[in-house]
């Protein structure tokens, strides 16, 4: 799960632009120093298109790893079993375990005591269930959060882990994800089935 304060940088900037959240193309500074901010503003000033960020404002992007999912638990406690079944449907797009729910709840409790919770404007997540569930605890299920100001959730393939031969990284069809997580915008997923899983990475 990626916790976004103002907007994002790099490939995620392009993802947000494609979804209509932001316009144009630009570079962003992540928790940058004053010198880095100046350099970014200079780069934006030379951009041929409309820029994303107003000059004088550095942006922050916060990364959060997903909580424990089923494949993490089995791989840790029963490695031989995981090695045998890791490519099977059993581990496809695994959800959080009981411990994972506890960890994600702890994340929500930690954020509840910070001002960051009120500053996040967009939550960009991997379309894998474990990432969405973790982000849900941080925001939508956070009792300290003003429910009228819950930030939008945007799923993008660009936030996924490396797609290799572990079925935990094989996402469910977009139609199933939309039904399970109706609060997430899945419009950036071009295909219902997981094309990346079948193509693989080299």
C-alpha atoms as a PDB file:
ATOM      1  CA  UNK A   1       0.000   0.000   0.000  1.00  0.00           C
ATOM      2  CA  UNK A   2       1.285   3.417  -0.793  1.00  0.00           C
ATOM      3  CA  UNK A   3       0.191   6.310   1.364  1.00  0.00           C
ATOM      4  CA  UNK A   4       0.136   9.484  -0.685  1.00  0.00           C
ATOM      5  CA  UNK A   5       0.295  12.920   0.932  1.00  0.00           C
ATOM      6  CA  UNK A   6      -0.005  15.351  -1.978  1.00  0.00           C
ATOM      7  CA  UNK A   7       0.703  13.318  -5.064  1.00  0.00           C
ATOM      8  CA  UNK A   8       3.358  10.969  -6.267  1.00  0.00           C
ATOM      9  CA  UNK A   9       6.498  10.759  -8.344  1.00  0.00           C
ATOM     10  CA  UNK A  10       7.952   8.797 -11.224  1.00  0.00           C
ATOM     11  CA  UNK A  11       5.756   6.130 -12.746  1.00  0.00           C
ATOM     12  CA  UNK A  12       3.011   6.651 -10.182  1.00  0.00           C
ATOM     13  CA  UNK A  13       2.738  10.264 -11.285  1.00  0.00           C
ATOM     14  CA  UNK A  14       1.972   9.012 -14.774  1.00  0.00           C
ATOM     15  CA  UNK A  15      -0.558   6.557 -13.365  1.00  0.00           C
ATOM     16  CA  UNK A  16      -2.409   9.256 -11.466  1.00  0.00           C
ATOM     17  CA  UNK A  17      -2.426  11.500 -14.518  1.00  0.00           C
ATOM     18  CA  UNK A  18      -3.852   8.731 -16.673  1.00  0.00           C
ATOM     19  CA  UNK A  19      -6.659   8.236 -14.188  1.00  0.00           C
ATOM     20  CA  UNK A  20      -7.644  11.878 -14.340  1.00  0.00           C
ATOM     21  CA  UNK A  21      -6.579  12.761 -10.810  1.00  0.00           C
ATOM     22  CA  UNK A  22      -3.932  15.158 -12.051  1.00  0.00           C
ATOM     23  CA  UNK A  23      -2.990  16.764 -15.336  1.00  0.00           C
ATOM     24  CA  UNK A  24       0.129  17.179 -17.390  1.00  0.00           C
ATOM     25  CA  UNK A  25       3.569  15.779 -16.806  1.00  0.00           C
ATOM     26  CA  UNK A  26       6.056  16.818 -14.173  1.00  0.00           C
ATOM     27  CA  UNK A  27       8.780  15.740 -11.805  1.00  0.00           C
ATOM     28  CA  UNK A  28       8.175  15.577  -8.072  1.00  0.00           C
ATOM     29  CA  UNK A  29      10.452  15.857  -5.069  1.00  0.00           C
ATOM     30  CA  UNK A  30       9.975  13.283  -2.350  1.00  0.00           C
ATOM     31  CA  UNK A  31      10.722  14.732   1.067  1.00  0.00           C
ATOM     32  CA  UNK A  32      13.357  16.859  -0.625  1.00  0.00           C
ATOM     33  CA  UNK A  33      15.774  19.407   0.735  1.00  0.00           C
ATOM     34  CA  UNK A  34      15.560  23.085  -0.195  1.00  0.00           C
ATOM     35  CA  UNK A  35      18.186  22.511  -2.917  1.00  0.00           C
ATOM     36  CA  UNK A  36      16.243  19.572  -4.331  1.00  0.00           C
ATOM     37  CA  UNK A  37      13.055  21.631  -4.338  1.00  0.00           C
ATOM     38  CA  UNK A  38      14.786  24.377  -6.307  1.00  0.00           C
ATOM     39  CA  UNK A  39      16.130  21.860  -8.805  1.00  0.00           C
ATOM     40  CA  UNK A  40      12.674  20.338  -9.257  1.00  0.00           C
ATOM     41  CA  UNK A  41      11.079  23.752  -9.763  1.00  0.00           C
ATOM     42  CA  UNK A  42      13.698  24.589 -12.400  1.00  0.00           C
ATOM     43  CA  UNK A  43      12.961  21.338 -14.203  1.00  0.00           C
ATOM     44  CA  UNK A  44       9.225  21.995 -14.089  1.00  0.00           C
ATOM     45  CA  UNK A  45       9.727  25.496 -15.455  1.00  0.00           C
ATOM     46  CA  UNK A  46      11.366  23.998 -18.546  1.00  0.00           C
ATOM     47  CA  UNK A  47       8.625  21.387 -19.071  1.00  0.00           C
ATOM     48  CA  UNK A  48       6.900  21.736 -22.467  1.00  0.00           C
ATOM     49  CA  UNK A  49       3.495  20.861 -21.026  1.00  0.00           C
ATOM     50  CA  UNK A  50       1.426  22.024 -18.091  1.00  0.00           C
ATOM     51  CA  UNK A  51       3.050  20.985 -14.830  1.00  0.00           C
ATOM     52  CA  UNK A  52       1.511  19.019 -12.007  1.00  0.00           C
ATOM     53  CA  UNK A  53       2.765  20.911  -8.973  1.00  0.00           C
ATOM     54  CA  UNK A  54       2.740  24.574  -8.058  1.00  0.00           C
ATOM     55  CA  UNK A  55       6.245  26.051  -7.609  1.00  0.00           C
ATOM     56  CA  UNK A  56       7.483  26.323  -4.036  1.00  0.00           C
ATOM     57  CA  UNK A  57       5.794  23.169  -2.757  1.00  0.00           C
ATOM     58  CA  UNK A  58       7.749  20.018  -2.118  1.00  0.00           C
ATOM     59  CA  UNK A  59       5.701  16.820  -2.213  1.00  0.00           C
ATOM     60  CA  UNK A  60       5.843  13.797  -0.001  1.00  0.00           C
ATOM     61  CA  UNK A  61       5.207  10.172  -0.819  1.00  0.00           C
ATOM     62  CA  UNK A  62       4.888   7.581   1.933  1.00  0.00           C
ATOM     63  CA  UNK A  63       5.447   3.881   1.224  1.00  0.00           C
ATOM     64  CA  UNK A  64       3.940   1.181   3.400  1.00  0.00           C
ATOM     65  CA  UNK A  65       4.501  -2.527   2.889  1.00  0.00           C
ATOM     66  CA  UNK A  66       1.476  -4.793   3.080  1.00  0.00           C
ATOM     67  CA  UNK A  67       0.828  -6.707   6.297  1.00  0.00           C
ATOM     68  CA  UNK A  68       1.284 -10.471   6.647  1.00  0.00           C
ATOM     69  CA  UNK A  69      -0.626 -12.519   4.068  1.00  0.00           C
ATOM     70  CA  UNK A  70      -1.222 -16.260   3.878  1.00  0.00           C
ATOM     71  CA  UNK A  71       1.798 -16.971   1.672  1.00  0.00           C
ATOM     72  CA  UNK A  72       4.081 -15.112   4.106  1.00  0.00           C
ATOM     73  CA  UNK A  73       2.846 -17.248   6.982  1.00  0.00           C
ATOM     74  CA  UNK A  74       3.143 -20.595   5.208  1.00  0.00           C
ATOM     75  CA  UNK A  75       6.540 -19.777   3.681  1.00  0.00           C
ATOM     76  CA  UNK A  76       7.826 -18.874   7.134  1.00  0.00           C
ATOM     77  CA  UNK A  77       6.336 -21.680   9.203  1.00  0.00           C
ATOM     78  CA  UNK A  78       6.060 -24.495   6.635  1.00  0.00           C
ATOM     79  CA  UNK A  79       8.586 -23.758   3.867  1.00  0.00           C
ATOM     80  CA  UNK A  80       8.415 -27.235   2.308  1.00  0.00           C
ATOM     81  CA  UNK A  81       4.655 -26.942   1.969  1.00  0.00           C
ATOM     82  CA  UNK A  82       4.967 -23.506   0.404  1.00  0.00           C
ATOM     83  CA  UNK A  83       7.643 -24.656  -2.021  1.00  0.00           C
ATOM     84  CA  UNK A  84       5.337 -27.465  -3.128  1.00  0.00           C
ATOM     85  CA  UNK A  85       2.226 -25.321  -3.619  1.00  0.00           C
ATOM     86  CA  UNK A  86       3.507 -21.806  -4.313  1.00  0.00           C
ATOM     87  CA  UNK A  87       2.486 -21.916  -7.993  1.00  0.00           C
ATOM     88  CA  UNK A  88      -1.025 -23.231  -7.372  1.00  0.00           C
ATOM     89  CA  UNK A  89      -4.401 -21.527  -7.080  1.00  0.00           C
ATOM     90  CA  UNK A  90      -4.216 -22.047  -3.329  1.00  0.00           C
ATOM     91  CA  UNK A  91      -1.905 -19.069  -3.034  1.00  0.00           C
ATOM     92  CA  UNK A  92      -3.382 -16.887  -5.764  1.00  0.00           C
ATOM     93  CA  UNK A  93      -3.658 -13.250  -4.628  1.00  0.00           C
ATOM     94  CA  UNK A  94      -3.527 -14.213  -0.973  1.00  0.00           C
ATOM     95  CA  UNK A  95      -5.403 -12.186   1.622  1.00  0.00           C
ATOM     96  CA  UNK A  96      -4.200 -11.043   5.029  1.00  0.00           C
ATOM     97  CA  UNK A  97      -3.907 -13.537   7.858  1.00  0.00           C
ATOM     98  CA  UNK A  98      -5.250 -12.939  11.357  1.00  0.00           C
ATOM     99  CA  UNK A  99      -1.839 -11.571  12.266  1.00  0.00           C
ATOM    100  CA  UNK A 100      -1.900  -9.444   9.127  1.00  0.00           C
ATOM    101  CA  UNK A 101      -5.197  -7.904  10.187  1.00  0.00           C
ATOM    102  CA  UNK A 102      -3.650  -7.134  13.575  1.00  0.00           C
ATOM    103  CA  UNK A 103      -0.611  -5.521  11.944  1.00  0.00           C
ATOM    104  CA  UNK A 104      -2.763  -3.433   9.612  1.00  0.00           C
ATOM    105  CA  UNK A 105      -4.959  -2.351  12.513  1.00  0.00           C
ATOM    106  CA  UNK A 106      -1.832  -1.275  14.376  1.00  0.00           C
ATOM    107  CA  UNK A 107      -0.878   0.825  11.347  1.00  0.00           C
ATOM    108  CA  UNK A 108      -4.281   2.504  11.486  1.00  0.00           C
ATOM    109  CA  UNK A 109      -3.874   3.189  15.195  1.00  0.00           C
ATOM    110  CA  UNK A 110      -0.442   4.696  14.622  1.00  0.00           C
ATOM    111  CA  UNK A 111      -1.731   6.942  11.853  1.00  0.00           C
ATOM    112  CA  UNK A 112      -4.672   7.972  14.021  1.00  0.00           C
ATOM    113  CA  UNK A 113      -2.251   9.802  16.278  1.00  0.00           C
ATOM    114  CA  UNK A 114      -0.506  11.692  13.486  1.00  0.00           C
ATOM    115  CA  UNK A 115      -1.394  14.715  11.392  1.00  0.00           C
ATOM    116  CA  UNK A 116      -0.505  12.723   8.290  1.00  0.00           C
ATOM    117  CA  UNK A 117      -3.934  11.129   8.390  1.00  0.00           C
ATOM    118  CA  UNK A 118      -5.548  14.480   7.600  1.00  0.00           C
ATOM    119  CA  UNK A 119      -3.102  15.389   4.835  1.00  0.00           C
ATOM    120  CA  UNK A 120      -3.347  12.373   2.561  1.00  0.00           C
ATOM    121  CA  UNK A 121      -5.224  13.210  -0.628  1.00  0.00           C
ATOM    122  CA  UNK A 122      -4.784  10.029  -2.635  1.00  0.00           C
ATOM    123  CA  UNK A 123      -4.042   6.393  -1.791  1.00  0.00           C
ATOM    124  CA  UNK A 124      -2.383   4.482  -4.628  1.00  0.00           C
ATOM    125  CA  UNK A 125      -2.403   0.725  -4.169  1.00  0.00           C
ATOM    126  CA  UNK A 126      -1.341  -2.442  -5.886  1.00  0.00           C
ATOM    127  CA  UNK A 127      -4.339  -4.381  -7.229  1.00  0.00           C
ATOM    128  CA  UNK A 128      -3.287  -7.310  -5.041  1.00  0.00           C
ATOM    129  CA  UNK A 129      -5.717  -7.954  -2.196  1.00  0.00           C
ATOM    130  CA  UNK A 130      -3.160  -7.841   0.611  1.00  0.00           C
ATOM    131  CA  UNK A 131      -2.141  -4.301  -0.314  1.00  0.00           C
ATOM    132  CA  UNK A 132      -5.714  -3.040  -0.605  1.00  0.00           C
ATOM    133  CA  UNK A 133      -6.691  -4.609   2.711  1.00  0.00           C
ATOM    134  CA  UNK A 134      -3.718  -3.003   4.444  1.00  0.00           C
ATOM    135  CA  UNK A 135      -4.560   0.430   3.040  1.00  0.00           C
ATOM    136  CA  UNK A 136      -8.192  -0.008   4.022  1.00  0.00           C
ATOM    137  CA  UNK A 137      -7.234  -0.349   7.682  1.00  0.00           C
ATOM    138  CA  UNK A 138      -5.127   2.796   7.460  1.00  0.00           C
ATOM    139  CA  UNK A 139      -7.897   4.987   6.064  1.00  0.00           C
ATOM    140  CA  UNK A 140     -11.424   3.757   5.446  1.00  0.00           C
ATOM    141  CA  UNK A 141     -11.563   1.643   8.602  1.00  0.00           C
ATOM    142  CA  UNK A 142      -9.695   4.180  10.734  1.00  0.00           C
ATOM    143  CA  UNK A 143     -12.099   5.385  13.418  1.00  0.00           C
ATOM    144  CA  UNK A 144     -10.030   8.547  13.918  1.00  0.00           C
ATOM    145  CA  UNK A 145     -10.465   9.581  10.309  1.00  0.00           C
ATOM    146  CA  UNK A 146     -13.169  11.985   9.222  1.00  0.00           C
ATOM    147  CA  UNK A 147     -15.214   9.655   7.024  1.00  0.00           C
ATOM    148  CA  UNK A 148     -16.368  12.604   4.943  1.00  0.00           C
ATOM    149  CA  UNK A 149     -12.733  13.172   3.928  1.00  0.00           C
ATOM    150  CA  UNK A 150     -11.617   9.623   3.148  1.00  0.00           C
ATOM    151  CA  UNK A 151      -9.149   9.969   0.244  1.00  0.00           C
ATOM    152  CA  UNK A 152      -9.839   8.188  -3.041  1.00  0.00           C
ATOM    153  CA  UNK A 153      -8.194   4.819  -3.660  1.00  0.00           C
ATOM    154  CA  UNK A 154      -6.504   4.205  -7.012  1.00  0.00           C
ATOM    155  CA  UNK A 155      -5.184   0.793  -8.066  1.00  0.00           C
ATOM    156  CA  UNK A 156      -2.403   0.473 -10.619  1.00  0.00           C
ATOM    157  CA  UNK A 157      -0.322  -2.395 -11.953  1.00  0.00           C
ATOM    158  CA  UNK A 158       2.711  -0.108 -11.551  1.00  0.00           C
ATOM    159  CA  UNK A 159       2.569  -0.597  -7.786  1.00  0.00           C
ATOM    160  CA  UNK A 160       2.712  -4.391  -7.956  1.00  0.00           C
ATOM    161  CA  UNK A 161       5.532  -6.603  -6.809  1.00  0.00           C
ATOM    162  CA  UNK A 162       7.703  -8.383  -9.359  1.00  0.00           C
ATOM    163  CA  UNK A 163       5.641 -10.922 -11.288  1.00  0.00           C
ATOM    164  CA  UNK A 164       7.521 -14.218 -11.337  1.00  0.00           C
ATOM    165  CA  UNK A 165       6.288 -17.710 -10.523  1.00  0.00           C
ATOM    166  CA  UNK A 166       4.683 -17.184  -7.116  1.00  0.00           C
ATOM    167  CA  UNK A 167       0.892 -17.370  -7.321  1.00  0.00           C
ATOM    168  CA  UNK A 168       0.569 -14.848  -4.487  1.00  0.00           C
ATOM    169  CA  UNK A 169       1.506 -12.235  -7.120  1.00  0.00           C
ATOM    170  CA  UNK A 170      -1.194 -13.454  -9.522  1.00  0.00           C
ATOM    171  CA  UNK A 171      -4.018 -10.973  -9.107  1.00  0.00           C
ATOM    172  CA  UNK A 172      -7.660 -11.882  -9.308  1.00  0.00           C
ATOM    173  CA  UNK A 173      -9.770 -10.766 -12.291  1.00  0.00           C
ATOM    174  CA  UNK A 174     -10.603  -7.069 -12.200  1.00  0.00           C
ATOM    175  CA  UNK A 175     -14.335  -7.879 -12.039  1.00  0.00           C
ATOM    176  CA  UNK A 176     -13.806  -9.838  -8.820  1.00  0.00           C
ATOM    177  CA  UNK A 177     -11.678  -7.088  -7.325  1.00  0.00           C
ATOM    178  CA  UNK A 178     -14.307  -4.467  -8.141  1.00  0.00           C
ATOM    179  CA  UNK A 179     -16.908  -6.551  -6.340  1.00  0.00           C
ATOM    180  CA  UNK A 180     -14.692  -7.182  -3.311  1.00  0.00           C
ATOM    181  CA  UNK A 181     -13.380  -3.596  -3.040  1.00  0.00           C
ATOM    182  CA  UNK A 182     -16.035  -1.221  -4.460  1.00  0.00           C
ATOM    183  CA  UNK A 183     -14.295   1.810  -2.968  1.00  0.00           C
ATOM    184  CA  UNK A 184     -11.201   1.353  -5.172  1.00  0.00           C
ATOM    185  CA  UNK A 185     -10.868   2.825  -8.665  1.00  0.00           C
ATOM    186  CA  UNK A 186      -9.634  -0.014 -10.909  1.00  0.00           C
ATOM    187  CA  UNK A 187      -9.965   1.923 -14.172  1.00  0.00           C
ATOM    188  CA  UNK A 188      -6.211   1.752 -14.832  1.00  0.00           C
ATOM    189  CA  UNK A 189      -6.332  -2.041 -15.085  1.00  0.00           C
ATOM    190  CA  UNK A 190      -6.637  -2.555 -18.831  1.00  0.00           C
ATOM    191  CA  UNK A 191      -7.584  -6.233 -18.704  1.00  0.00           C
ATOM    192  CA  UNK A 192      -9.958  -8.255 -16.575  1.00  0.00           C
ATOM    193  CA  UNK A 193      -7.545 -11.176 -16.395  1.00  0.00           C
ATOM    194  CA  UNK A 194      -3.981 -10.767 -15.146  1.00  0.00           C
ATOM    195  CA  UNK A 195      -2.036 -10.410 -18.382  1.00  0.00           C
ATOM    196  CA  UNK A 196       1.197  -9.721 -16.494  1.00  0.00           C
ATOM    197  CA  UNK A 197       0.988 -13.094 -14.796  1.00  0.00           C
ATOM    198  CA  UNK A 198       0.870 -14.896 -18.090  1.00  0.00           C
ATOM    199  CA  UNK A 199       3.530 -12.774 -19.780  1.00  0.00           C
ATOM    200  CA  UNK A 200       5.930 -12.868 -16.803  1.00  0.00           C
ATOM    201  CA  UNK A 201       8.977 -10.741 -16.273  1.00  0.00           C
ATOM    202  CA  UNK A 202      12.388 -11.701 -17.587  1.00  0.00           C
END
